[in-house]
Amino acid sequence: MKGLRLTTLFVAGLFMVGITLLTNTTLAEEKSADEVAKELSNPAGSLSSLNFNLQYTDYTGDFPDSHDEESTAVIFQPVFPFPVGDQGRRVIFRPAITVPFDQPVIDAAKNDFDDADVGLADITFDLVYAGTEMTSKQDGYLWGLGMAGTFPTATDDDLGGDQWRLGPELFGGIIREWGLVGALVSNQWDMGGSNDTYYSAMTAQYFYAYGLGNGWQIASSPIITYDWEADSDDALTLPLGFGVAKTTKIGNTPWKFAFQIQKYVVQPDTFGPDWLVKLTITPVIKNPFTSLF
């Protein structure tokens, strides 16, 4: 119960910070809904935003009763770009703060599942140097190079790895009049912590956004993972994703509302995700930290 109270206060604090930031004038006020939607889909984009994700996962696997397991999580991911020079380059910082509510955990001794306590999971982040290079008014490409990492912040051992992790990250993609498509790849290794188990895992996120006009998009951004230390039958997680998104202005603030559904065509044989449904609400904000640099 103490973990639940602390987590509730933490989430409430994030909400209040978000509301405070929304009172600032944003750089996107003069952009059209289609322009804002396209910019928010670009991981090298110039807009600061707050991503509030509600995520539901259904599981499957060979472990007994895997098909009956499910979980829900709230993920808060702010995006803070910092301009560098006058060539459209920027440093972008993206932390992801996850609060799982009913994460299933295998109890091998009982040959059954337990639910982890509600709490804070490990905080992940990426820090990249990125740019958007336009070869014409409508065509161009995007790129980024930097690092991805994990802080051992979990309030329950079942929600985190008890390790500091770090590794390289790069991404790229193309921009066209209709939208954009690209991929982001990173790999993290353990750098220390109370857990001395060797860790090496790759994350590859492909993303696409096709503009339909009036702020509407067909868009998705599934995440592929590969655990280099796992048995080959339990190493790969591969989803296919489809989604729709709508960007509109509420007052002077642009908001993006997105819904995605993902089917995992490959997952660990023992236990892994089968379906994922995600709702994302993203207000655009003014970066409150720009003046510090």
Protein backbone atom coordinates (compact mmCIF):
# COMPACT_ATOMS: atom_id res chain seq x y z
CA MET A 1 0.00 0.00 0.00
CA LYS A 2 2.90 2.35 0.70
CA GLY A 3 4.18 1.77 -2.86
CA LEU A 4 0.71 2.51 -4.25
CA ARG A 5 0.47 5.77 -2.29
CA LEU A 6 3.93 6.90 -3.39
CA THR A 7 3.18 6.01 -7.01
CA THR A 8 -0.15 7.84 -6.90
CA LEU A 9 1.54 10.96 -5.55
CA PHE A 10 4.24 10.67 -8.20
CA VAL A 11 1.75 10.38 -11.07
CA ALA A 12 -0.29 13.27 -9.63
CA GLY A 13 2.91 15.34 -9.48
CA LEU A 14 3.65 14.62 -13.13
CA PHE A 15 0.11 15.68 -14.06
CA MET A 16 0.46 18.97 -12.17
CA VAL A 17 3.83 19.65 -13.83
CA GLY A 18 2.22 19.02 -17.20
CA ILE A 19 -0.68 21.38 -16.50
CA THR A 20 1.80 24.06 -15.40
CA LEU A 21 3.85 23.68 -18.57
CA LEU A 22 0.73 23.96 -20.70
CA THR A 23 0.24 27.53 -19.54
CA ASN A 24 3.33 28.51 -21.54
CA THR A 25 3.07 29.79 -25.09
CA THR A 26 4.12 27.05 -27.52
CA LEU A 27 6.17 27.35 -30.70
CA ALA A 28 3.49 25.43 -32.59
CA GLU A 29 0.67 27.96 -32.26
CA GLU A 30 1.12 29.23 -35.83
CA LYS A 31 1.56 25.80 -37.43
CA SER A 32 -1.33 23.95 -39.05
CA ALA A 33 -2.66 20.72 -37.52
CA ASP A 34 -1.05 18.70 -40.32
CA GLU A 35 2.33 20.38 -39.76
CA VAL A 36 2.20 19.76 -36.02
CA ALA A 37 1.14 16.13 -36.53
CA LYS A 38 4.04 15.51 -38.90
CA GLU A 39 6.53 17.23 -36.59
CA LEU A 40 5.40 15.21 -33.57
CA SER A 41 5.93 12.00 -35.54
CA ASN A 42 9.53 13.00 -36.25
CA PRO A 43 11.98 11.81 -33.54
CA ALA A 44 14.33 14.58 -34.69
CA GLY A 45 11.57 17.19 -34.51
CA SER A 46 11.74 20.63 -32.92
CA LEU A 47 8.56 20.53 -30.80
CA SER A 48 8.57 19.92 -27.05
CA SER A 49 5.74 17.73 -25.87
CA LEU A 50 4.35 15.61 -23.04
CA ASN A 51 3.33 12.08 -24.00
CA PHE A 52 0.83 10.41 -21.67
CA ASN A 53 0.42 6.73 -22.63
CA LEU A 54 -2.10 4.23 -21.32
CA GLN A 55 -1.02 0.75 -22.40
CA TYR A 56 -2.78 -2.62 -22.15
CA THR A 57 -0.94 -5.89 -22.91
CA ASP A 58 -2.32 -9.39 -23.36
CA TYR A 59 0.12 -12.32 -23.04
CA THR A 60 0.75 -15.81 -24.34
CA GLY A 61 3.37 -18.55 -23.96
CA ASP A 62 4.15 -22.15 -23.05
CA PHE A 63 4.23 -21.49 -19.31
CA PRO A 64 0.98 -22.68 -17.70
CA ASP A 65 -1.93 -20.16 -17.86
CA SER A 66 0.10 -17.62 -19.87
CA HIS A 67 -2.95 -16.94 -22.05
CA ASP A 68 -4.88 -15.68 -19.00
CA GLU A 69 -2.33 -12.99 -18.10
CA GLU A 70 -2.66 -9.27 -18.88
CA SER A 71 -1.22 -5.98 -17.66
CA THR A 72 -1.83 -2.25 -17.71
CA ALA A 73 0.72 0.53 -17.46
CA VAL A 74 0.92 4.31 -17.58
CA ILE A 75 3.98 5.72 -19.35
CA PHE A 76 4.91 9.40 -19.16
CA GLN A 77 7.45 10.51 -21.76
CA PRO A 78 8.30 14.20 -22.13
CA VAL A 79 10.34 15.31 -25.13
CA PHE A 80 12.75 18.24 -24.75
CA PRO A 81 14.67 19.43 -27.85
CA PHE A 82 17.45 22.01 -27.44
CA PRO A 83 18.50 23.95 -30.59
CA VAL A 84 22.18 23.78 -31.53
CA GLY A 85 23.34 26.40 -34.03
CA ASP A 86 21.20 27.63 -36.90
CA GLN A 87 21.26 24.58 -39.21
CA GLY A 88 18.22 22.81 -37.77
CA ARG A 89 20.32 20.63 -35.46
CA ARG A 90 19.31 19.93 -31.88
CA VAL A 91 20.03 17.87 -28.79
CA ILE A 92 16.94 15.91 -27.71
CA PHE A 93 16.33 14.38 -24.30
CA ARG A 94 13.50 11.84 -23.88
CA PRO A 95 13.01 10.14 -20.50
CA ALA A 96 10.29 7.50 -20.09
CA ILE A 97 8.68 7.00 -16.68
CA THR A 98 6.60 3.82 -16.41
CA VAL A 99 4.10 2.83 -13.72
CA PRO A 100 2.84 -0.79 -14.18
CA PHE A 101 -0.37 -1.69 -12.34
CA ASP A 102 -0.66 -5.48 -12.63
CA GLN A 103 2.55 -6.79 -14.19
CA PRO A 104 2.52 -10.62 -14.23
CA VAL A 105 5.66 -12.29 -12.83
CA ILE A 106 6.52 -15.96 -13.23
CA ASP A 107 6.92 -17.83 -9.93
CA ALA A 108 8.80 -20.96 -11.00
CA ALA A 109 8.61 -22.49 -7.50
CA LYS A 110 4.79 -22.44 -7.58
CA ASN A 111 4.58 -23.03 -11.35
CA ASP A 112 2.23 -20.06 -11.42
CA PHE A 113 2.09 -16.26 -11.78
CA ASP A 114 2.20 -13.47 -9.23
CA ASP A 115 1.26 -9.85 -9.85
CA ALA A 116 3.96 -7.33 -9.00
CA ASP A 117 3.01 -4.55 -6.58
CA VAL A 118 1.96 -1.26 -8.13
CA GLY A 119 5.02 0.95 -8.29
CA LEU A 120 7.57 2.75 -10.39
CA ALA A 121 9.55 0.78 -12.96
CA ASP A 122 13.07 1.59 -14.12
CA ILE A 123 13.29 4.97 -15.87
CA THR A 124 14.72 4.79 -19.38
CA PHE A 125 15.98 7.65 -21.52
CA ASP A 126 17.64 8.59 -24.76
CA LEU A 127 19.87 11.58 -25.41
CA VAL A 128 20.64 12.28 -29.05
CA TYR A 129 22.11 14.82 -31.42
CA ALA A 130 19.65 15.01 -34.30
CA GLY A 131 18.62 16.94 -37.37
CA THR A 132 16.04 17.25 -40.12
CA GLU A 133 17.55 17.91 -43.55
CA MET A 134 15.10 19.13 -46.20
CA THR A 135 16.17 18.77 -49.85
CA SER A 136 13.01 20.56 -51.01
CA LYS A 137 9.92 22.07 -49.41
CA GLN A 138 8.31 18.64 -48.98
CA ASP A 139 11.14 16.09 -49.20
CA GLY A 140 14.01 15.39 -46.85
CA TYR A 141 15.41 13.02 -44.29
CA LEU A 142 15.90 12.82 -40.54
CA TRP A 143 18.76 11.44 -38.49
CA GLY A 144 19.99 11.11 -34.93
CA LEU A 145 22.96 9.72 -33.02
CA GLY A 146 23.44 9.42 -29.28
CA MET A 147 22.87 7.08 -26.37
CA ALA A 148 20.12 5.20 -24.56
CA GLY A 149 20.15 4.29 -20.89
CA THR A 150 18.29 2.93 -17.89
CA PHE A 151 18.22 4.15 -14.29
CA PRO A 152 17.49 1.47 -11.60
CA THR A 153 14.54 3.36 -10.09
CA ALA A 154 12.07 0.46 -9.70
CA THR A 155 10.26 0.37 -6.37
CA ASP A 156 9.89 -3.43 -6.64
CA ASP A 157 12.50 -5.96 -7.78
CA ASP A 158 9.90 -7.47 -10.12
CA LEU A 159 9.56 -4.14 -11.98
CA GLY A 160 13.22 -3.49 -12.77
CA GLY A 161 16.65 -4.94 -13.37
CA ASP A 162 18.58 -3.36 -10.47
CA GLN A 163 21.20 -2.22 -12.98
CA TRP A 164 22.56 0.94 -14.53
CA ARG A 165 22.49 0.37 -18.30
CA LEU A 166 23.85 2.35 -21.23
CA GLY A 167 24.55 1.97 -24.93
CA PRO A 168 24.57 3.65 -28.35
CA GLU A 169 21.49 4.76 -30.26
CA LEU A 170 20.96 5.88 -33.85
CA PHE A 171 17.97 6.52 -36.06
CA GLY A 172 17.11 7.66 -39.55
CA GLY A 173 14.20 8.11 -41.90
CA ILE A 174 12.78 9.85 -44.92
CA ILE A 175 10.29 12.71 -45.08
CA ARG A 176 7.87 13.11 -47.95
CA GLU A 177 4.80 15.19 -48.69
CA TRP A 178 2.57 12.32 -47.50
CA GLY A 179 4.40 11.81 -44.20
CA LEU A 180 7.48 9.99 -42.96
CA VAL A 181 8.93 6.56 -42.21
CA GLY A 182 12.06 5.45 -40.35
CA ALA A 183 13.63 3.33 -37.63
CA LEU A 184 15.50 3.77 -34.35
CA VAL A 185 17.99 1.20 -33.04
CA SER A 186 19.81 1.00 -29.70
CA ASN A 187 21.63 -1.57 -27.61
CA GLN A 188 22.21 -1.41 -23.86
CA TRP A 189 24.66 -3.22 -21.60
CA ASP A 190 24.80 -3.38 -17.79
CA MET A 191 27.15 -0.78 -16.27
CA GLY A 192 26.75 -1.61 -12.58
CA GLY A 193 24.20 -2.05 -9.84
CA SER A 194 23.18 -4.64 -7.28
CA ASN A 195 22.32 -7.20 -9.98
CA ASP A 196 25.55 -8.72 -11.34
CA THR A 197 23.82 -10.69 -14.13
CA TYR A 198 25.30 -9.83 -17.54
CA TYR A 199 22.82 -7.86 -19.67
CA SER A 200 22.84 -7.07 -23.38
CA ALA A 201 19.63 -6.27 -25.28
CA MET A 202 18.76 -4.50 -28.51
CA THR A 203 15.72 -2.31 -29.13
CA ALA A 204 14.59 -1.44 -32.65
CA GLN A 205 11.59 0.83 -33.12
CA TYR A 206 10.18 1.36 -36.59
CA PHE A 207 7.77 4.24 -37.11
CA TYR A 208 5.56 5.56 -39.87
CA ALA A 209 3.01 8.34 -40.24
CA TYR A 210 0.82 8.87 -43.31
CA GLY A 211 -1.06 12.15 -43.42
CA LEU A 212 -4.75 12.14 -44.35
CA GLY A 213 -5.33 15.87 -43.99
CA ASN A 214 -7.02 18.00 -41.33
CA GLY A 215 -4.68 16.66 -38.64
CA TRP A 216 -5.49 12.98 -39.24
CA GLN A 217 -2.80 10.32 -39.68
CA ILE A 218 -2.36 6.61 -40.05
CA ALA A 219 0.60 6.05 -37.74
CA SER A 220 2.28 3.51 -35.48
CA SER A 221 5.63 2.95 -33.75
CA PRO A 222 6.06 -0.69 -32.59
CA ILE A 223 9.16 -1.73 -30.64
CA ILE A 224 11.17 -4.85 -31.53
CA THR A 225 13.45 -6.27 -28.84
CA TYR A 226 16.19 -8.91 -28.88
CA ASP A 227 17.82 -10.26 -25.71
CA TRP A 228 21.31 -11.43 -26.66
CA GLU A 229 21.64 -13.39 -23.40
CA ALA A 230 18.40 -15.37 -23.70
CA ASP A 231 17.90 -18.73 -25.38
CA SER A 232 17.11 -18.31 -29.07
CA ASP A 233 13.47 -19.34 -28.53
CA ASP A 234 13.03 -16.59 -25.93
CA ALA A 235 15.15 -13.81 -27.43
CA LEU A 236 13.03 -12.02 -30.06
CA THR A 237 9.89 -9.93 -29.63
CA LEU A 238 8.43 -8.66 -32.92
CA PRO A 239 5.15 -6.70 -33.21
CA LEU A 240 3.27 -5.38 -36.23
CA GLY A 241 1.38 -2.19 -35.56
CA PHE A 242 -1.46 -0.07 -36.94
CA GLY A 243 -2.87 3.15 -35.56
CA VAL A 244 -4.76 6.35 -36.17
CA ALA A 245 -4.02 9.80 -34.79
CA LYS A 246 -5.71 13.18 -34.76
CA THR A 247 -4.01 16.50 -34.04
CA THR A 248 -6.13 19.49 -33.11
CA LYS A 249 -5.88 22.72 -31.14
CA ILE A 250 -7.58 23.22 -27.80
CA GLY A 251 -7.32 26.91 -27.13
CA ASN A 252 -3.85 27.87 -28.33
CA THR A 253 -2.31 24.50 -27.51
CA PRO A 254 -1.94 21.73 -30.13
CA TRP A 255 -2.90 18.26 -28.86
CA LYS A 256 -2.35 14.91 -30.54
CA PHE A 257 -4.58 11.93 -29.74
CA ALA A 258 -3.37 8.55 -30.98
CA PHE A 259 -4.65 4.99 -30.78
CA GLN A 260 -2.52 1.98 -31.68
CA ILE A 261 -3.07 -1.76 -31.76
CA GLN A 262 -0.14 -4.14 -32.15
CA LYS A 263 0.01 -7.88 -32.79
CA TYR A 264 3.17 -9.73 -31.74
CA VAL A 265 3.96 -12.18 -34.55
CA VAL A 266 7.04 -13.38 -32.64
CA GLN A 267 7.48 -13.47 -28.87
CA PRO A 268 9.45 -15.53 -26.34
CA ASP A 269 8.15 -19.12 -26.35
CA THR A 270 8.04 -19.32 -22.55
CA PHE A 271 6.07 -16.12 -21.91
CA GLY A 272 5.61 -12.93 -23.87
CA PRO A 273 3.17 -10.31 -25.19
CA ASP A 274 0.50 -11.30 -27.72
CA TRP A 275 -1.50 -8.07 -28.23
CA LEU A 276 -0.89 -4.48 -27.19
CA VAL A 277 -3.37 -1.60 -27.21
CA LYS A 278 -2.14 1.93 -26.52
CA LEU A 279 -3.82 5.30 -26.15
CA THR A 280 -1.53 8.35 -26.27
CA ILE A 281 -2.42 11.95 -25.44
CA THR A 282 0.25 14.48 -26.39
CA PRO A 283 0.02 18.22 -25.69
CA VAL A 284 2.69 20.45 -27.26
CA ILE A 285 4.49 22.70 -24.79
CA LYS A 286 7.20 25.30 -24.65
CA ASN A 287 10.47 23.76 -23.46
CA PRO A 288 10.87 25.21 -19.92
CA PHE A 289 14.58 24.36 -19.81
CA THR A 290 15.77 26.09 -22.99
CA SER A 291 16.66 29.28 -21.13
CA LEU A 292 19.08 27.33 -18.92
CA PHE A 293 21.41 26.64 -21.84
